[in-house]
Protein backbone atom coordinates (compact mmCIF):
# COMPACT_ATOMS: atom_id res chain seq x y z
CA UNK A 1 163.13 101.82 219.87
CA UNK A 2 164.09 100.85 216.34
CA UNK A 3 160.85 98.92 215.76
CA UNK A 4 158.83 101.87 217.04
CA UNK A 5 160.70 104.34 214.78
CA UNK A 6 160.25 102.12 211.71
CA UNK A 7 156.56 101.60 212.43
CA UNK A 8 156.02 105.30 212.93
CA UNK A 9 157.81 106.18 209.69
CA UNK A 10 155.78 103.66 207.70
CA UNK A 11 152.47 104.85 209.23
CA UNK A 12 153.31 108.51 208.48
CA UNK A 13 154.22 107.62 204.96
CA UNK A 14 150.99 105.70 204.49
CA UNK A 15 148.89 108.64 205.86
CA UNK A 16 150.78 111.02 203.55
CA UNK A 17 150.14 108.85 200.51
CA UNK A 18 146.44 108.59 201.38
CA UNK A 19 146.21 112.37 201.85
CA UNK A 20 147.94 113.12 198.55
CA UNK A 21 145.71 110.62 196.72
CA UNK A 22 142.59 112.36 198.00
CA UNK A 23 144.04 115.79 197.11
CA UNK A 24 145.17 114.89 193.60
CA UNK A 25 142.20 112.76 192.51
CA UNK A 26 139.34 114.32 194.42
CA UNK A 27 140.25 117.56 196.15
CA UNK A 28 142.15 119.50 193.50
CA UNK A 29 140.25 120.24 190.31
CA UNK A 30 141.64 121.69 187.08
CA UNK A 31 139.09 124.41 186.43
CA UNK A 32 139.16 126.81 183.54
CA UNK A 33 138.27 130.37 184.71
CA UNK A 34 135.02 131.69 183.18
CA UNK A 35 136.78 134.64 181.57
CA UNK A 36 138.99 132.22 179.56
CA UNK A 37 136.31 129.76 178.50
CA UNK A 38 135.94 129.74 174.72
CA UNK A 39 139.31 131.49 174.18
CA UNK A 40 142.43 130.02 172.57
CA UNK A 41 143.69 129.11 176.07
CA UNK A 42 140.60 126.92 176.75
CA UNK A 43 141.73 123.27 176.15
CA UNK A 44 138.24 122.39 174.92
CA UNK A 45 138.81 124.70 172.02
CA UNK A 46 142.08 123.20 170.74
CA UNK A 47 141.95 119.66 172.15
CA UNK A 48 139.44 116.94 171.23
CA UNK A 49 137.27 115.61 174.05
CA UNK A 50 139.38 112.43 174.22
CA UNK A 51 142.64 114.41 174.35
CA UNK A 52 141.27 116.60 177.16
CA UNK A 53 140.18 113.56 179.22
CA UNK A 54 143.49 111.76 178.68
CA UNK A 55 145.48 114.83 179.59
CA UNK A 56 143.64 115.14 182.88
CA UNK A 57 143.96 111.42 183.68
CA UNK A 58 147.65 111.23 182.73
CA UNK A 59 148.56 114.44 184.61
CA UNK A 60 146.79 113.29 187.81
CA UNK A 61 148.66 109.99 187.87
CA UNK A 62 151.98 111.66 187.13
CA UNK A 63 151.37 114.31 189.80
CA UNK A 64 150.45 111.66 192.35
CA UNK A 65 153.63 109.62 191.51
CA UNK A 66 155.75 112.74 191.90
CA UNK A 67 154.45 113.48 195.38
CA UNK A 68 154.83 109.88 196.45
CA UNK A 69 158.23 109.12 194.91
CA UNK A 70 160.36 111.55 196.84
CA UNK A 71 159.01 110.63 200.37
CA UNK A 72 159.45 107.02 199.30
CA UNK A 73 163.13 107.84 198.78
CA UNK A 74 163.22 109.31 202.27
CA UNK A 75 161.66 106.18 203.75
CA UNK A 76 164.17 104.04 201.85
CA UNK A 77 167.15 105.94 203.25
CA UNK A 78 165.65 105.79 206.77
CA UNK A 79 165.12 102.07 206.61
CA UNK A 80 168.64 101.50 205.17
CA UNK A 81 169.97 103.22 208.28
CA UNK A 82 167.71 101.79 210.95
CA UNK A 83 167.96 98.18 209.80
CA UNK A 84 171.77 98.49 209.90
CA UNK A 85 172.13 97.84 206.14
CA UNK A 86 174.32 100.89 205.62
CA UNK A 87 176.50 99.88 208.52
CA UNK A 88 176.80 96.34 207.18
CA UNK A 89 177.77 97.51 203.69
CA UNK A 90 180.39 99.79 205.18
CA UNK A 91 181.92 96.99 207.26
CA UNK A 92 182.06 94.69 204.31
CA UNK A 93 183.65 97.34 202.05
CA UNK A 94 186.32 98.02 204.71
CA UNK A 95 187.23 94.33 204.71
CA UNK A 96 187.69 94.23 200.92
CA UNK A 97 190.43 96.79 200.43
CA UNK A 98 192.99 98.96 202.23
CA UNK A 99 192.54 101.80 199.76
CA UNK A 100 189.93 104.32 200.89
CA UNK A 101 188.69 105.17 197.39
CA UNK A 102 188.10 101.45 196.70
CA UNK A 103 186.25 101.07 199.97
CA UNK A 104 184.07 104.03 199.00
CA UNK A 105 183.50 102.58 195.52
CA UNK A 106 182.43 99.24 196.94
CA UNK A 107 180.07 100.84 199.42
CA UNK A 108 178.52 103.17 196.84
CA UNK A 109 178.12 100.34 194.30
CA UNK A 110 176.05 98.18 196.63
CA UNK A 111 174.09 101.14 197.99
CA UNK A 112 173.33 102.31 194.39
CA UNK A 113 172.40 98.82 193.29
CA UNK A 114 170.04 98.38 196.19
CA UNK A 115 168.48 101.71 195.47
CA UNK A 116 168.13 100.84 191.80
CA UNK A 117 166.41 97.52 192.57
CA UNK A 118 164.01 99.03 195.11
CA UNK A 119 163.07 101.97 192.85
CA UNK A 120 162.82 99.83 189.75
CA UNK A 121 159.10 98.93 190.07
CA UNK A 122 158.09 102.59 190.36
CA UNK A 123 160.38 103.60 187.45
CA UNK A 124 159.03 100.79 185.34
CA UNK A 125 155.47 101.81 186.10
CA UNK A 126 156.29 105.35 184.96
CA UNK A 127 157.68 103.91 181.74
CA UNK A 128 154.67 101.76 181.05
CA UNK A 129 152.32 104.56 181.96
CA UNK A 130 153.95 106.89 179.43
CA UNK A 131 153.76 104.06 176.82
CA UNK A 132 150.06 103.40 177.53
CA UNK A 133 149.13 107.10 177.03
CA UNK A 134 151.10 107.33 173.80
CA UNK A 135 153.83 109.69 175.10
CA UNK A 136 156.74 107.25 175.09
CA UNK A 137 157.68 105.35 171.95
CA UNK A 138 160.81 103.82 173.50
CA UNK A 139 161.35 100.09 173.46
CA UNK A 140 161.98 98.26 176.71
CA UNK A 141 165.55 97.46 175.73
CA UNK A 142 166.27 101.08 174.94
CA UNK A 143 164.70 102.19 178.23
CA UNK A 144 166.83 99.70 180.16
CA UNK A 145 169.92 100.83 178.28
CA UNK A 146 169.31 104.47 179.31
CA UNK A 147 168.68 103.35 182.83
CA UNK A 148 171.92 101.40 182.98
CA UNK A 149 173.88 104.28 181.43
CA UNK A 150 172.42 106.61 184.05
CA UNK A 151 173.32 104.15 186.81
CA UNK A 152 177.02 104.04 185.80
CA UNK A 153 177.27 107.76 185.14
CA UNK A 154 175.78 108.51 188.57
CA UNK A 155 177.96 105.88 190.19
CA UNK A 156 181.17 107.27 188.68
CA UNK A 157 180.23 110.80 189.70
CA UNK A 158 179.31 109.74 193.19
CA UNK A 159 182.68 108.05 193.75
CA UNK A 160 184.47 111.30 193.14
CA UNK A 161 182.03 113.48 195.04
CA UNK A 162 181.56 111.27 198.09
CA UNK A 163 185.25 110.50 198.42
CA UNK A 164 186.04 114.22 198.54
CA UNK A 165 183.11 114.97 200.74
CA UNK A 166 183.95 112.42 203.44
CA UNK A 167 187.63 113.33 203.30
CA UNK A 168 186.63 116.91 204.08
CA UNK A 169 184.43 115.68 206.96
CA UNK A 170 187.38 113.93 208.47
CA UNK A 171 189.74 116.90 208.02
CA UNK A 172 187.33 119.57 209.25
CA UNK A 173 184.34 118.47 211.24
CA UNK A 174 183.04 122.00 211.67
CA UNK A 175 183.67 123.59 208.22
CA UNK A 176 183.50 120.68 205.78
CA UNK A 177 180.22 122.07 204.36
CA UNK A 178 181.94 125.35 203.42
CA UNK A 179 184.92 123.66 201.73
CA UNK A 180 182.56 121.29 199.93
CA UNK A 181 180.59 124.29 198.65
CA UNK A 182 183.73 125.99 197.40
CA UNK A 183 184.53 122.88 195.38
CA UNK A 184 181.05 122.70 193.90
CA UNK A 185 181.67 125.94 191.99
CA UNK A 186 184.39 124.67 189.60
CA UNK A 187 182.84 121.18 189.56
CA UNK A 188 179.42 122.47 188.50
CA UNK A 189 180.86 124.73 185.81
CA UNK A 190 182.94 121.74 184.51
CA UNK A 191 179.91 119.50 184.30
CA UNK A 192 177.90 122.19 182.50
CA UNK A 193 180.78 122.59 180.03
CA UNK A 194 181.22 118.93 179.18
CA UNK A 195 177.56 117.86 179.32
CA UNK A 196 176.63 118.72 175.71
CA UNK A 197 179.62 116.95 174.22
CA UNK A 198 180.33 114.08 176.70
CA UNK A 199 177.26 113.20 178.75
CA UNK A 200 174.26 113.92 176.50
CA UNK A 201 175.62 111.92 173.52
CA UNK A 202 175.63 108.82 175.76
CA UNK A 203 171.84 108.78 175.57
CA UNK A 204 171.05 110.20 172.09
CA UNK A 205 172.62 111.03 168.79
CA UNK A 206 173.22 114.68 167.98
CA UNK A 207 173.92 116.04 164.52
CA UNK A 208 173.62 119.35 162.65
CA UNK A 209 170.14 120.27 161.60
CA UNK A 210 169.28 118.59 158.33
CA UNK A 211 166.98 121.40 157.18
CA UNK A 212 169.70 123.88 156.18
CA UNK A 213 167.23 126.64 155.22
CA UNK A 214 165.69 126.51 158.67
CA UNK A 215 169.20 126.38 160.26
CA UNK A 216 170.18 129.56 158.35
CA UNK A 217 167.06 131.38 159.66
CA UNK A 218 167.72 130.28 163.22
CA UNK A 219 171.38 131.25 163.05
CA UNK A 220 170.41 134.67 161.68
CA UNK A 221 168.15 135.12 164.69
CA UNK A 222 170.98 134.01 166.98
CA UNK A 223 173.35 136.49 165.29
CA UNK A 224 170.86 139.34 165.90
CA UNK A 225 170.75 138.29 169.56
CA UNK A 226 174.58 138.10 169.76
CA UNK A 227 174.49 134.41 170.46
CA UNK A 228 177.74 132.70 169.34
CA UNK A 229 176.51 129.62 167.40
CA UNK A 230 177.80 127.92 164.27
CA UNK A 231 175.25 125.13 164.12
CA UNK A 232 171.76 124.20 165.29
CA UNK A 233 171.71 120.61 166.45
CA UNK A 234 169.01 118.04 165.92
CA UNK A 235 168.59 115.09 168.28
CA UNK A 236 166.76 111.84 167.41
CA UNK A 237 164.02 111.61 170.08
CA UNK A 238 161.21 110.20 167.92
CA UNK A 239 162.32 106.66 168.77
CA UNK A 240 161.80 107.46 172.47
CA UNK A 241 158.91 109.95 172.76
CA UNK A 242 156.13 111.85 171.06
CA UNK A 243 156.70 114.89 173.29
CA UNK A 244 158.27 118.08 171.92
CA UNK A 245 161.22 120.06 173.14
CA UNK A 246 164.01 122.49 172.26
CA UNK A 247 166.73 123.99 174.41
CA UNK A 248 170.03 125.84 174.65
CA UNK A 249 172.57 123.94 176.71
CA UNK A 250 176.14 124.18 177.87
CA UNK A 251 178.39 127.18 178.53
CA UNK A 252 181.28 128.75 176.67
CA UNK A 253 182.48 127.12 173.48
CA UNK A 254 180.42 123.98 174.14
CA UNK A 255 177.05 125.80 174.16
CA UNK A 256 174.52 124.30 171.80
CA UNK A 257 171.13 125.11 170.33
CA UNK A 258 169.21 121.85 170.19
CA UNK A 259 165.92 120.80 168.59
CA UNK A 260 164.18 117.48 169.11
CA UNK A 261 163.24 115.86 165.80
CA UNK A 262 159.74 115.46 167.16
CA UNK A 263 159.50 119.22 167.29
CA UNK A 264 160.67 119.50 163.75
CA UNK A 265 158.13 116.88 162.65
CA UNK A 266 155.07 118.31 164.37
CA UNK A 267 155.53 122.08 164.30
CA UNK A 268 155.51 124.30 161.24
CA UNK A 269 158.37 126.66 160.48
CA UNK A 270 156.83 129.72 162.15
CA UNK A 271 156.13 127.74 165.32
CA UNK A 272 159.71 126.39 165.39
CA UNK A 273 161.04 129.91 164.92
CA UNK A 274 159.03 131.10 167.88
CA UNK A 275 160.23 128.16 170.06
CA UNK A 276 163.83 128.94 169.18
CA UNK A 277 163.35 132.64 169.89
CA UNK A 278 162.13 131.61 173.33
CA UNK A 279 165.27 129.60 173.97
CA UNK A 280 167.41 132.48 172.74
CA UNK A 281 165.57 134.68 175.23
CA UNK A 282 167.08 132.73 178.05
CA UNK A 283 170.57 133.35 176.64
CA UNK A 284 169.95 137.05 176.02
CA UNK A 285 168.58 137.61 179.54
CA UNK A 286 171.46 135.55 181.01
CA UNK A 287 169.17 133.10 182.71
CA UNK A 288 171.87 130.47 182.61
CA UNK A 289 174.21 132.57 184.74
CA UNK A 290 171.42 133.66 187.08
CA UNK A 291 170.58 129.99 187.42
CA UNK A 292 174.15 129.12 188.27
CA UNK A 293 174.32 131.93 190.85
CA UNK A 294 170.98 130.79 192.40
CA UNK A 295 172.09 127.21 192.45
CA UNK A 296 175.30 128.13 194.29
CA UNK A 297 173.46 130.21 196.87
CA UNK A 298 170.95 127.36 197.51
CA UNK A 299 173.81 124.90 197.64
CA UNK A 300 175.65 126.97 200.28
CA UNK A 301 172.59 127.24 202.41
CA UNK A 302 171.66 123.64 201.86
CA UNK A 303 175.08 122.29 202.84
CA UNK A 304 175.09 124.43 205.99
CA UNK A 305 171.68 123.13 207.02
CA UNK A 306 172.71 119.63 206.14
CA UNK A 307 175.77 119.79 208.36
CA UNK A 308 173.70 121.13 211.30
CA UNK A 309 170.92 118.55 210.79
CA UNK A 310 173.32 115.63 210.45
CA UNK A 311 175.07 116.53 213.70
CA UNK A 312 171.78 116.97 215.49
CA UNK A 313 170.32 113.75 214.10
CA UNK A 314 173.39 111.69 215.12
CA UNK A 315 173.43 113.19 218.62
CA UNK A 316 169.65 112.55 219.09
CA UNK A 317 169.09 109.31 217.20
CA UNK A 318 172.59 107.93 216.48
CA UNK A 319 171.82 104.52 218.03
CA UNK A 320 168.60 104.15 216.04
CA UNK A 321 170.32 105.15 212.82
CA UNK A 322 173.41 103.06 213.56
CA UNK A 323 175.68 106.09 213.06
CA UNK A 324 178.33 107.13 215.56
CA UNK A 325 179.98 109.98 213.62
CA UNK A 326 179.31 112.16 210.62
CA UNK A 327 182.57 111.28 208.86
CA UNK A 328 181.71 107.62 208.61
CA UNK A 329 180.48 106.77 205.12
CA UNK A 330 177.60 104.75 206.64
CA UNK A 331 176.01 108.20 207.27
CA UNK A 332 175.69 108.84 203.46
CA UNK A 333 172.01 107.75 203.36
CA UNK A 334 171.34 110.35 206.11
CA UNK A 335 173.15 112.95 203.94
CA UNK A 336 170.94 111.97 200.96
CA UNK A 337 167.78 112.02 203.03
CA UNK A 338 168.38 115.48 204.51
CA UNK A 339 169.53 117.09 201.19
CA UNK A 340 166.47 115.55 199.43
CA UNK A 341 164.12 116.96 202.07
CA UNK A 342 165.75 120.38 201.81
CA UNK A 343 165.65 120.29 197.99
CA UNK A 344 161.95 119.42 198.08
CA UNK A 345 161.23 122.19 200.62
CA UNK A 346 163.07 124.81 198.47
CA UNK A 347 161.43 123.75 195.20
CA UNK A 348 158.50 126.26 195.42
CA UNK A 349 161.04 129.14 195.53
CA UNK A 350 163.26 127.79 192.76
CA UNK A 351 160.23 126.92 190.63
CA UNK A 352 158.82 130.39 191.11
CA UNK A 353 162.04 131.92 189.84
CA UNK A 354 162.13 129.51 186.89
CA UNK A 355 158.53 130.35 185.95
CA UNK A 356 159.38 134.06 185.97
CA UNK A 357 162.33 133.41 183.67
CA UNK A 358 160.21 131.33 181.34
CA UNK A 359 157.57 134.09 181.10
CA UNK A 360 160.36 136.58 180.32
CA UNK A 361 161.61 134.27 177.51
CA UNK A 362 158.07 133.99 176.13
CA UNK A 363 157.85 137.77 175.98
CA UNK A 364 161.26 138.01 174.33
CA UNK A 365 160.16 135.44 171.72
CA UNK A 366 156.99 137.16 170.73
CA UNK A 367 158.72 140.53 170.57
CA UNK A 368 161.35 139.07 168.30
CA UNK A 369 159.01 137.12 165.98
CA UNK A 370 155.97 139.43 166.08
CA UNK A 371 153.90 136.33 165.42
CA UNK A 372 151.18 135.87 168.01
CA UNK A 373 149.36 133.16 166.00
CA UNK A 374 152.50 130.92 165.88
CA UNK A 375 153.19 131.55 169.54
CA UNK A 376 149.71 130.40 170.58
CA UNK A 377 149.55 127.45 168.22
CA UNK A 378 153.04 126.17 169.23
CA UNK A 379 151.97 125.94 172.93
CA UNK A 380 148.67 124.34 171.94
CA UNK A 381 150.62 121.66 170.03
CA UNK A 382 153.07 121.21 172.96
CA UNK A 383 150.05 120.60 175.20
CA UNK A 384 148.59 118.06 172.79
CA UNK A 385 151.84 116.18 172.23
CA UNK A 386 152.72 115.89 175.93
CA UNK A 387 149.15 115.57 177.29
CA UNK A 388 150.04 118.47 179.61
CA UNK A 389 147.59 119.59 182.25
CA UNK A 390 146.54 123.05 181.17
CA UNK A 391 145.67 124.39 184.60
CA UNK A 392 147.32 122.36 187.39
CA UNK A 393 146.25 122.45 191.09
CA UNK A 394 148.09 124.96 193.29
CA UNK A 395 150.41 122.46 195.13
CA UNK A 396 151.28 120.79 191.87
CA UNK A 397 152.23 124.14 190.38
CA UNK A 398 154.33 125.11 193.37
CA UNK A 399 156.26 121.89 193.63
CA UNK A 400 156.36 120.66 190.05
CA UNK A 401 156.07 123.40 187.52
CA UNK A 402 159.29 125.11 186.40
CA UNK A 403 157.26 126.69 183.60
CA UNK A 404 154.05 128.68 183.81
CA UNK A 405 150.96 126.58 183.13
CA UNK A 406 149.83 126.35 179.52
CA UNK A 407 146.68 128.27 180.50
CA UNK A 408 148.81 131.19 181.69
CA UNK A 409 151.27 131.06 178.77
CA UNK A 410 148.68 130.87 176.00
CA UNK A 411 146.31 133.51 177.51
CA UNK A 412 149.24 135.88 178.22
CA UNK A 413 150.50 135.59 174.60
CA UNK A 414 146.97 135.98 173.27
CA UNK A 415 146.56 139.26 175.14
CA UNK A 416 149.59 140.81 173.45
CA UNK A 417 148.82 143.23 170.67
CA UNK A 418 151.46 143.04 167.98
CA UNK A 419 151.40 146.83 167.50
CA UNK A 420 152.31 147.31 171.18
CA UNK A 421 154.97 144.58 171.49
CA UNK A 422 157.95 146.92 171.27
CA UNK A 423 156.61 149.52 173.72
């Protein structure tokens, strides 16, 4: 039974990979509509022929890796369960300590380490791919350092979350999902509050914007938008990437306006002002709080589904998965598998909402700056710097794109008439 299940899972994964390969590299073409050819949204207008070819090549490989990586995770979790590895790690952890939290820590360390080792080749390939296309500038040692920091941050967080989660499962087999969801509310807000000042600085150095004249202009815009900000922060990303970015992060007194130094180096002042106006648009339209609300709703539904599916899976395939009860920590890979599948299935909806919010922020930015030329040129440069695919295939857009495609963003901004922006 186990051998048959494993063989079936591997065959299905292989067929899926083959199907996605055909779709990404042969079936789905990035075509520019006739009506937009020759316009400022046409990549052949603002990209060189080599840049256009590289952007298509790089995007197709990244899209393929995205659609393969998550089902590979699912296969990994399934094999960890069916081969009895999760059960074996649990038994060993139980023999090492009488304290439950230490048992959980031991189990999670070895599970996390195994996952890190198995996923390392794929992650390393992504790193080298980005280097070969000139996107990443990060040294191998720096990349490894970030990976190890991420490993320990995730491990420490998991000890807390999993210990509470499985304690709830033992205390309330029927309603653990509801109590877990209630706890995610203060926990998520706490993480959002401390991330700008505790977590983000582990990876990069943040400091007040060096260009004080530009900082004054940005803060004046923030003041007009009633955004409480005393500084604009700059982060040293040039040593890691050639891509551009800017964002507003955190909540409450820890909220920050952040600019990558690559953005400062490659965009002119008018383009930077537009980008920052876009980020302020998210704040003004309260997208952060809508995002929190949406996340909490999806988490509630997701935990409810997870509880139902875990119970069903253990009743139906408990012997194959080597799980006798939900509250045993050996079931954690099953929890990860189910939540990952649900997250993937819900991504078209969450991405659709995110794209709508991004388009609203674009409109806010152009209404604030009244500078269509800077708006268009900033997105053209973002496309060039990141080798972004201007018009992605439909499935790629549904499952990957939290922002409208560059074709949509540039063409929409180009259609705006400055005289009608405030209507």
